[in-house]
């Protein structure tokens, strides 16, 4: 099964925006292989505009010249990804990352480049042209590179099939498709075309849809056609955004399961915004980072590190390598909130093996307070309790927590 468990990896966006380079991707892959792979981290994702030669930061340069093949398919900009020279695309970088025992992912925008439509380029493996597939009236509101497609045409199907055939030939394992998850209803047919092309390319590729919030009422459609989809817009290191995630997680938790995962977005931890030329680190407090990791694991959201891995500090490393907390992603099921007030939240997730239950306590208030799970809400008696962040035994699932902090217990 593709994405039997929530994917775990690193994504370049939080650090480098549109300006990531091959050297950066290789360096982060090397750290992941050496320090994080034993804990389940395995995917390296090159995010948006890897085909834009002059990208500098998190902004987009309107109507710039993009690297593209003769069939209207975007290629890595060779000045940023030198191993792509000679038409090799991402194949050399993917091969290097695979050689480290990891997987390789890329970002794509829905649709096709405006340049390809204007030049009426032929679609590979078909009798159609890019202008026959393109819909000039369907343009992304925040990135000017692409036209959406006329999804009722055979040209549109042929284009997406040609695109995923190229990705498969490069050895891509994960595709993050952007400008689509929240674009219902008009993007519904495009999601289906992309999903069919991805599944039919001859290679197992995890399909992720962004940005959110994806519409909750379209959950079953998303589960049929994607492996993960964003339940929020871009998530950054801000307590109000993290607080708002509790409501989203409550609504989406029932849709998490093998092969389909609601995605709470990247983990903005450690060194961020590196393209700004300063030593920028997360604005989250350590307590808020524990809360984020605990909620993401209880929801069984995909986990994508946003920080620069070559600058891992001791706290961030400990946050990302707690085996007992990370195990919640694989060993639990049917997670859900038991209690949710403006000041506190309690989540419960049974273990799949029947050998216990996870209970997470969250202090959502701005002051120190005691948070407890009412015994009446736990169906089975337990004889032991261990708090997983500290490893300490406890008599019951209760904790006195600082503002915005969390604790998570395994009850057996």
Protein backbone atom coordinates (compact mmCIF):
# COMPACT_ATOMS: atom_id res chain seq x y z
CA UNK A 1 0.00 0.00 0.00
CA UNK A 2 1.21 3.52 -0.80
CA UNK A 3 1.52 5.61 2.39
CA UNK A 4 0.42 2.86 4.73
CA UNK A 5 1.71 5.13 7.50
CA UNK A 6 1.91 8.94 7.61
CA UNK A 7 4.97 10.03 5.58
CA UNK A 8 7.90 11.52 7.51
CA UNK A 9 10.55 13.74 5.96
CA UNK A 10 12.00 17.19 5.29
CA UNK A 11 10.67 19.92 2.99
CA UNK A 12 12.69 22.90 1.77
CA UNK A 13 9.95 25.57 1.86
CA UNK A 14 10.20 26.86 5.44
CA UNK A 15 13.93 27.46 5.05
CA UNK A 16 14.41 28.42 1.42
CA UNK A 17 11.06 29.26 -0.16
CA UNK A 18 11.47 29.04 -3.93
CA UNK A 19 15.27 29.28 -3.76
CA UNK A 20 16.40 25.79 -2.67
CA UNK A 21 19.46 24.40 -4.46
CA UNK A 22 20.89 20.97 -5.14
CA UNK A 23 23.68 21.55 -2.61
CA UNK A 24 21.13 22.34 0.11
CA UNK A 25 19.04 19.27 -0.74
CA UNK A 26 22.10 17.01 -0.62
CA UNK A 27 23.33 18.45 2.67
CA UNK A 28 19.95 17.99 4.35
CA UNK A 29 19.64 14.47 2.93
CA UNK A 30 23.02 13.58 4.38
CA UNK A 31 22.00 14.75 7.85
CA UNK A 32 18.70 12.91 7.61
CA UNK A 33 20.41 9.68 6.60
CA UNK A 34 22.99 9.95 9.36
CA UNK A 35 20.94 11.26 12.28
CA UNK A 36 17.20 10.93 11.62
CA UNK A 37 16.62 7.91 9.39
CA UNK A 38 16.85 5.46 12.34
CA UNK A 39 13.79 7.21 13.77
CA UNK A 40 11.64 6.89 10.63
CA UNK A 41 12.46 10.12 8.76
CA UNK A 42 13.04 9.18 5.13
CA UNK A 43 11.76 11.68 2.50
CA UNK A 44 13.60 14.72 1.13
CA UNK A 45 11.23 17.09 -0.71
CA UNK A 46 12.38 19.90 -3.03
CA UNK A 47 9.57 22.45 -2.89
CA UNK A 48 8.27 25.07 -5.32
CA UNK A 49 9.92 26.69 -8.37
CA UNK A 50 12.94 24.42 -8.72
CA UNK A 51 12.54 25.30 -12.42
CA UNK A 52 12.99 29.06 -11.90
CA UNK A 53 16.63 30.11 -12.46
CA UNK A 54 16.46 33.43 -10.57
CA UNK A 55 14.38 32.47 -7.49
CA UNK A 56 15.75 34.17 -4.36
CA UNK A 57 13.36 33.76 -1.43
CA UNK A 58 9.72 33.03 -0.51
CA UNK A 59 8.36 35.38 -3.18
CA UNK A 60 7.64 34.61 -6.83
CA UNK A 61 9.00 36.49 -9.82
CA UNK A 62 6.04 37.11 -12.17
CA UNK A 63 6.29 35.76 -15.71
CA UNK A 64 9.95 34.76 -15.49
CA UNK A 65 11.54 32.39 -17.98
CA UNK A 66 11.24 28.83 -16.68
CA UNK A 67 13.40 25.80 -17.46
CA UNK A 68 11.29 23.55 -19.66
CA UNK A 69 11.66 20.70 -22.17
CA UNK A 70 10.34 20.61 -25.73
CA UNK A 71 7.07 19.08 -24.49
CA UNK A 72 6.19 21.80 -21.99
CA UNK A 73 7.36 19.89 -18.91
CA UNK A 74 9.29 21.88 -16.32
CA UNK A 75 12.91 20.93 -15.65
CA UNK A 76 15.27 21.72 -12.76
CA UNK A 77 17.11 25.01 -13.34
CA UNK A 78 20.66 23.92 -14.09
CA UNK A 79 22.28 26.89 -12.32
CA UNK A 80 20.63 25.67 -9.09
CA UNK A 81 20.68 21.92 -9.81
CA UNK A 82 23.83 21.33 -11.85
CA UNK A 83 23.44 17.55 -12.02
CA UNK A 84 20.30 18.15 -14.16
CA UNK A 85 22.48 19.27 -17.10
CA UNK A 86 22.20 17.36 -20.35
CA UNK A 87 18.50 16.64 -19.95
CA UNK A 88 18.99 14.39 -16.91
CA UNK A 89 16.46 16.28 -14.81
CA UNK A 90 16.20 15.17 -11.20
CA UNK A 91 17.43 11.63 -11.91
CA UNK A 92 20.98 12.20 -10.58
CA UNK A 93 19.76 13.88 -7.39
CA UNK A 94 17.16 11.17 -6.84
CA UNK A 95 19.82 8.52 -7.34
CA UNK A 96 22.07 10.19 -4.78
CA UNK A 97 19.26 10.42 -2.21
CA UNK A 98 18.22 6.82 -2.85
CA UNK A 99 21.84 5.82 -2.30
CA UNK A 100 21.57 7.25 1.21
CA UNK A 101 18.64 4.94 1.89
CA UNK A 102 16.11 7.75 1.58
CA UNK A 103 13.25 8.74 -0.74
CA UNK A 104 12.99 11.76 -3.02
CA UNK A 105 10.07 14.14 -3.49
CA UNK A 106 9.30 17.23 -5.55
CA UNK A 107 6.71 19.97 -5.74
CA UNK A 108 4.47 20.56 -8.76
CA UNK A 109 1.83 23.12 -9.59
CA UNK A 110 -1.42 21.92 -11.10
CA UNK A 111 -1.75 22.76 -14.77
CA UNK A 112 0.97 23.49 -17.32
CA UNK A 113 3.33 26.43 -17.90
CA UNK A 114 1.86 29.44 -19.68
CA UNK A 115 5.00 29.42 -21.82
CA UNK A 116 4.18 25.92 -23.04
CA UNK A 117 0.68 26.96 -24.09
CA UNK A 118 1.83 30.14 -25.78
CA UNK A 119 4.48 28.22 -27.73
CA UNK A 120 1.93 25.49 -28.65
CA UNK A 121 4.39 22.78 -27.70
CA UNK A 122 3.54 19.14 -28.50
CA UNK A 123 2.55 16.92 -25.57
CA UNK A 124 4.92 13.95 -25.28
CA UNK A 125 3.50 10.62 -26.41
CA UNK A 126 0.38 12.10 -27.95
CA UNK A 127 -1.01 13.95 -30.96
CA UNK A 128 -2.07 16.92 -28.83
CA UNK A 129 -0.53 20.32 -28.07
CA UNK A 130 -0.18 22.16 -24.77
CA UNK A 131 -2.48 24.99 -25.90
CA UNK A 132 -5.24 22.41 -26.47
CA UNK A 133 -4.94 21.30 -22.84
CA UNK A 134 -4.55 24.73 -21.21
CA UNK A 135 -7.38 26.82 -19.80
CA UNK A 136 -6.20 30.48 -19.83
CA UNK A 137 -9.19 31.46 -17.68
CA UNK A 138 -7.99 29.25 -14.80
CA UNK A 139 -4.97 30.93 -13.19
CA UNK A 140 -3.52 30.47 -9.72
CA UNK A 141 -4.23 33.48 -7.50
CA UNK A 142 -0.75 33.55 -5.93
CA UNK A 143 1.68 32.14 -8.51
CA UNK A 144 1.66 33.28 -12.15
CA UNK A 145 3.57 30.39 -13.74
CA UNK A 146 0.73 28.12 -14.84
CA UNK A 147 -2.61 27.74 -16.56
CA UNK A 148 -5.07 25.19 -15.26
CA UNK A 149 -6.22 22.51 -17.69
CA UNK A 150 -9.38 21.82 -19.65
CA UNK A 151 -9.95 18.61 -17.78
CA UNK A 152 -12.65 17.30 -20.12
CA UNK A 153 -10.18 17.07 -23.01
CA UNK A 154 -7.92 14.16 -23.98
CA UNK A 155 -5.08 16.69 -24.26
CA UNK A 156 -5.27 17.39 -20.53
CA UNK A 157 -5.11 13.70 -19.68
CA UNK A 158 -2.19 13.23 -22.05
CA UNK A 159 -0.28 16.11 -20.48
CA UNK A 160 -0.56 14.79 -16.94
CA UNK A 161 0.34 11.30 -18.11
CA UNK A 162 3.45 12.70 -19.80
CA UNK A 163 4.35 14.62 -16.64
CA UNK A 164 4.17 11.63 -14.31
CA UNK A 165 5.97 9.45 -16.84
CA UNK A 166 8.84 11.96 -16.58
CA UNK A 167 8.71 11.97 -12.77
CA UNK A 168 8.75 8.18 -12.71
CA UNK A 169 11.77 8.12 -15.03
CA UNK A 170 13.59 10.44 -12.61
CA UNK A 171 12.88 8.12 -9.66
CA UNK A 172 10.51 10.45 -7.80
CA UNK A 173 8.83 8.86 -4.76
CA UNK A 174 6.64 11.73 -3.53
CA UNK A 175 4.81 14.56 -5.33
CA UNK A 176 3.36 17.58 -3.59
CA UNK A 177 0.78 19.05 -5.97
CA UNK A 178 -0.04 22.66 -5.21
CA UNK A 179 -2.91 25.12 -5.90
CA UNK A 180 -5.46 22.34 -5.71
CA UNK A 181 -6.58 21.00 -2.28
CA UNK A 182 -8.84 23.94 -1.45
CA UNK A 183 -9.90 24.69 -5.04
CA UNK A 184 -13.13 22.69 -5.02
CA UNK A 185 -15.38 22.43 -6.87
CA UNK A 186 -13.59 23.45 -10.07
CA UNK A 187 -10.40 21.50 -9.29
CA UNK A 188 -12.23 18.22 -8.61
CA UNK A 189 -11.79 16.90 -12.15
CA UNK A 190 -8.14 18.00 -12.16
CA UNK A 191 -7.50 16.07 -8.94
CA UNK A 192 -8.94 12.98 -10.60
CA UNK A 193 -6.72 13.42 -13.69
CA UNK A 194 -3.60 13.92 -11.58
CA UNK A 195 -4.43 10.94 -9.40
CA UNK A 196 -5.01 8.68 -12.42
CA UNK A 197 -1.72 9.80 -14.02
CA UNK A 198 0.15 9.28 -10.76
CA UNK A 199 -1.29 5.79 -10.22
CA UNK A 200 -0.74 4.82 -13.85
CA UNK A 201 2.89 5.92 -14.23
CA UNK A 202 4.41 2.56 -13.33
CA UNK A 203 6.04 3.77 -10.09
CA UNK A 204 4.65 3.99 -6.57
CA UNK A 205 4.47 7.72 -5.84
CA UNK A 206 2.90 9.28 -2.76
CA UNK A 207 0.48 12.03 -3.85
CA UNK A 208 0.08 15.06 -1.58
CA UNK A 209 -2.36 17.92 -2.26
CA UNK A 210 -1.85 21.54 -1.12
CA UNK A 211 -2.66 24.11 0.10
CA UNK A 212 -5.58 23.93 2.48
CA UNK A 213 -7.91 24.17 4.00
CA UNK A 214 -9.36 21.32 1.99
CA UNK A 215 -13.17 21.23 2.32
CA UNK A 216 -14.26 18.74 4.96
CA UNK A 217 -17.34 17.79 2.95
CA UNK A 218 -15.06 16.48 0.18
CA UNK A 219 -13.15 14.14 2.49
CA UNK A 220 -14.23 10.95 0.73
CA UNK A 221 -13.20 12.30 -2.66
CA UNK A 222 -9.81 13.27 -1.26
CA UNK A 223 -9.35 9.83 0.32
CA UNK A 224 -10.06 8.14 -3.01
CA UNK A 225 -7.67 10.27 -5.04
CA UNK A 226 -4.78 11.34 -2.78
CA UNK A 227 -2.58 9.98 -0.01
CA UNK A 228 -2.55 13.23 1.97
CA UNK A 229 -4.13 16.64 1.72
CA UNK A 230 -3.65 19.85 3.61
CA UNK A 231 -6.25 20.79 6.20
CA UNK A 232 -4.81 24.29 6.63
CA UNK A 233 -3.19 27.09 4.68
CA UNK A 234 0.58 27.45 5.18
CA UNK A 235 1.36 26.79 8.84
CA UNK A 236 4.02 28.91 10.51
CA UNK A 237 5.50 29.38 14.00
CA UNK A 238 2.63 31.36 15.51
CA UNK A 239 0.63 30.30 18.57
CA UNK A 240 -2.74 31.47 17.12
CA UNK A 241 -2.17 29.19 14.11
CA UNK A 242 -1.31 26.27 16.38
CA UNK A 243 -4.31 26.93 18.60
CA UNK A 244 -6.58 26.95 15.54
CA UNK A 245 -5.24 23.53 14.55
CA UNK A 246 -7.07 21.89 17.45
CA UNK A 247 -10.44 22.64 15.85
CA UNK A 248 -9.20 21.38 12.45
CA UNK A 249 -7.77 18.23 14.00
CA UNK A 250 -11.05 17.50 15.80
CA UNK A 251 -12.97 17.67 12.51
CA UNK A 252 -10.49 15.68 10.40
CA UNK A 253 -9.27 12.97 12.79
CA UNK A 254 -11.92 10.43 11.72
CA UNK A 255 -10.53 10.47 8.16
CA UNK A 256 -6.97 9.39 9.04
CA UNK A 257 -6.14 5.84 7.98
CA UNK A 258 -3.76 3.71 5.92
CA UNK A 259 -3.21 5.32 2.53
CA UNK A 260 -4.98 8.60 3.32
CA UNK A 261 -3.87 11.17 5.88
CA UNK A 262 -5.15 14.67 6.75
CA UNK A 263 -2.05 16.89 6.66
CA UNK A 264 -1.54 19.62 9.26
CA UNK A 265 1.44 20.95 7.25
CA UNK A 266 5.13 21.25 8.02
CA UNK A 267 6.81 21.46 11.40
CA UNK A 268 8.42 24.94 11.68
CA UNK A 269 11.14 23.91 14.13
CA UNK A 270 14.81 24.78 14.42
CA UNK A 271 16.47 27.12 11.92
CA UNK A 272 13.91 28.62 9.50
CA UNK A 273 13.83 31.28 6.74
CA UNK A 274 17.46 30.73 5.80
CA UNK A 275 17.05 32.48 2.44
CA UNK A 276 16.63 35.76 4.34
CA UNK A 277 20.32 35.70 5.20
CA UNK A 278 19.96 35.69 8.98
CA UNK A 279 20.09 33.12 11.74
CA UNK A 280 16.33 32.83 12.04
CA UNK A 281 15.00 30.23 14.43
CA UNK A 282 11.46 29.16 15.25
CA UNK A 283 9.32 31.59 17.21
CA UNK A 284 7.64 28.69 19.00
CA UNK A 285 8.62 28.14 22.61
CA UNK A 286 9.82 24.65 23.58
CA UNK A 287 6.42 24.09 25.20
CA UNK A 288 4.60 25.04 22.01
CA UNK A 289 6.82 22.73 19.98
CA UNK A 290 5.93 19.82 22.30
CA UNK A 291 2.27 20.69 21.86
CA UNK A 292 2.64 20.76 18.07
CA UNK A 293 4.46 17.41 17.90
CA UNK A 294 2.01 15.80 20.28
CA UNK A 295 -1.05 16.99 18.36
CA UNK A 296 0.42 16.06 14.95
CA UNK A 297 1.25 12.55 16.22
CA UNK A 298 -2.14 12.02 17.85
CA UNK A 299 -3.88 13.19 14.65
CA UNK A 300 -1.45 10.98 12.70
CA UNK A 301 -0.63 13.86 10.42
CA UNK A 302 2.28 13.47 8.01
CA UNK A 303 5.43 14.89 9.58
CA UNK A 304 7.58 17.18 7.42
CA UNK A 305 10.43 19.03 9.10
CA UNK A 306 10.71 22.66 8.01
CA UNK A 307 14.02 23.50 9.70
CA UNK A 308 17.54 23.39 8.27
CA UNK A 309 18.87 19.98 9.29
CA UNK A 310 22.51 21.02 9.22
CA UNK A 311 21.71 23.41 12.10
CA UNK A 312 19.88 21.00 14.39
CA UNK A 313 20.21 22.06 18.02
CA UNK A 314 19.93 19.60 20.88
CA UNK A 315 16.33 20.46 21.76
CA UNK A 316 15.09 20.17 18.18
CA UNK A 317 16.91 16.87 17.75
CA UNK A 318 15.33 15.50 20.94
CA UNK A 319 11.92 16.67 19.75
CA UNK A 320 12.28 14.82 16.43
CA UNK A 321 13.79 11.61 17.79
CA UNK A 322 11.53 10.60 20.68
CA UNK A 323 10.74 7.04 19.57
CA UNK A 324 7.84 6.61 21.97
CA UNK A 325 6.05 9.76 20.78
CA UNK A 326 6.73 9.04 17.09
CA UNK A 327 5.37 5.51 17.58
CA UNK A 328 1.90 7.01 18.08
CA UNK A 329 1.82 7.63 14.31
CA UNK A 330 2.19 3.91 13.54
CA UNK A 331 0.78 2.13 16.56
CA UNK A 332 -2.46 4.02 17.26
CA UNK A 333 -5.84 4.27 15.54
CA UNK A 334 -9.15 6.10 15.92
CA UNK A 335 -7.60 9.05 17.76
CA UNK A 336 -10.08 11.67 18.90
CA UNK A 337 -10.54 14.45 21.46
CA UNK A 338 -12.32 13.54 24.70
CA UNK A 339 -12.40 17.06 26.08
CA UNK A 340 -11.94 20.40 24.35
CA UNK A 341 -12.40 23.78 26.06
CA UNK A 342 -10.80 27.17 25.49
CA UNK A 343 -8.25 26.35 28.20
CA UNK A 344 -7.46 22.66 27.78
CA UNK A 345 -7.80 19.67 25.51
CA UNK A 346 -7.52 15.91 26.04
CA UNK A 347 -7.04 13.39 23.25
CA UNK A 348 -7.21 9.59 23.34
CA UNK A 349 -5.86 7.03 20.85
CA UNK A 350 -6.00 3.26 21.40
CA UNK A 351 -3.05 1.12 20.33
CA UNK A 352 -3.73 -1.20 17.39
CA UNK A 353 -2.25 -4.18 19.25
CA UNK A 354 -4.68 -3.73 22.12
CA UNK A 355 -1.78 -3.22 24.53
CA UNK A 356 -2.71 0.14 25.89
CA UNK A 357 -3.99 3.58 25.03
CA UNK A 358 -2.35 6.96 24.44
CA UNK A 359 -3.73 9.98 26.31
CA UNK A 360 -2.51 13.48 25.42
CA UNK A 361 -3.06 16.50 27.66
CA UNK A 362 -2.82 20.05 26.32
CA UNK A 363 -2.76 23.32 28.23
CA UNK A 364 -4.20 25.84 25.78
CA UNK A 365 -4.21 28.67 28.28
CA UNK A 366 -1.60 31.36 28.88
CA UNK A 367 -0.96 30.33 32.49
CA UNK A 368 0.34 27.26 34.32
CA UNK A 369 -2.47 24.83 35.12
CA UNK A 370 -3.25 21.24 35.97
CA UNK A 371 -4.78 19.13 33.19
CA UNK A 372 -6.21 15.68 33.80
CA UNK A 373 -8.04 13.00 31.88
CA UNK A 374 -11.21 12.02 33.75
CA UNK A 375 -10.99 8.31 34.64
CA UNK A 376 -14.59 7.81 33.52
CA UNK A 377 -13.55 8.62 29.95
CA UNK A 378 -11.06 5.72 29.77
CA UNK A 379 -12.99 2.51 29.09
CA UNK A 380 -10.40 -0.02 30.27
CA UNK A 381 -8.58 -0.10 33.63
CA UNK A 382 -4.81 0.41 33.48
CA UNK A 383 -2.00 -0.69 35.76
CA UNK A 384 0.81 1.56 34.52
CA UNK A 385 1.22 5.01 33.03
CA UNK A 386 4.34 6.55 31.50
CA UNK A 387 4.66 10.15 30.28
CA UNK A 388 6.44 9.82 26.94
CA UNK A 389 8.25 13.17 26.71
CA UNK A 390 9.98 12.65 30.06
CA UNK A 391 9.90 8.85 30.31
CA UNK A 392 8.63 9.12 33.87
CA UNK A 393 6.11 6.73 35.41
CA UNK A 394 2.91 8.25 36.74
CA UNK A 395 -0.01 7.08 38.85
CA UNK A 396 -2.58 8.54 36.46
CA UNK A 397 -2.78 10.69 33.30
CA UNK A 398 -2.55 14.10 34.89
CA UNK A 399 0.05 16.86 34.64
CA UNK A 400 0.70 20.41 35.76
CA UNK A 401 1.69 22.11 32.53
CA UNK A 402 3.19 25.47 31.68
CA UNK A 403 1.36 27.73 29.25
CA UNK A 404 0.86 26.12 25.83
CA UNK A 405 2.57 22.87 26.92
CA UNK A 406 1.56 19.24 26.49
CA UNK A 407 2.10 15.81 27.99
CA UNK A 408 1.29 12.44 26.48
CA UNK A 409 0.91 9.17 28.37
CA UNK A 410 0.90 5.53 27.41
CA UNK A 411 -1.49 3.67 29.69
CA UNK A 412 -1.24 -0.10 29.91
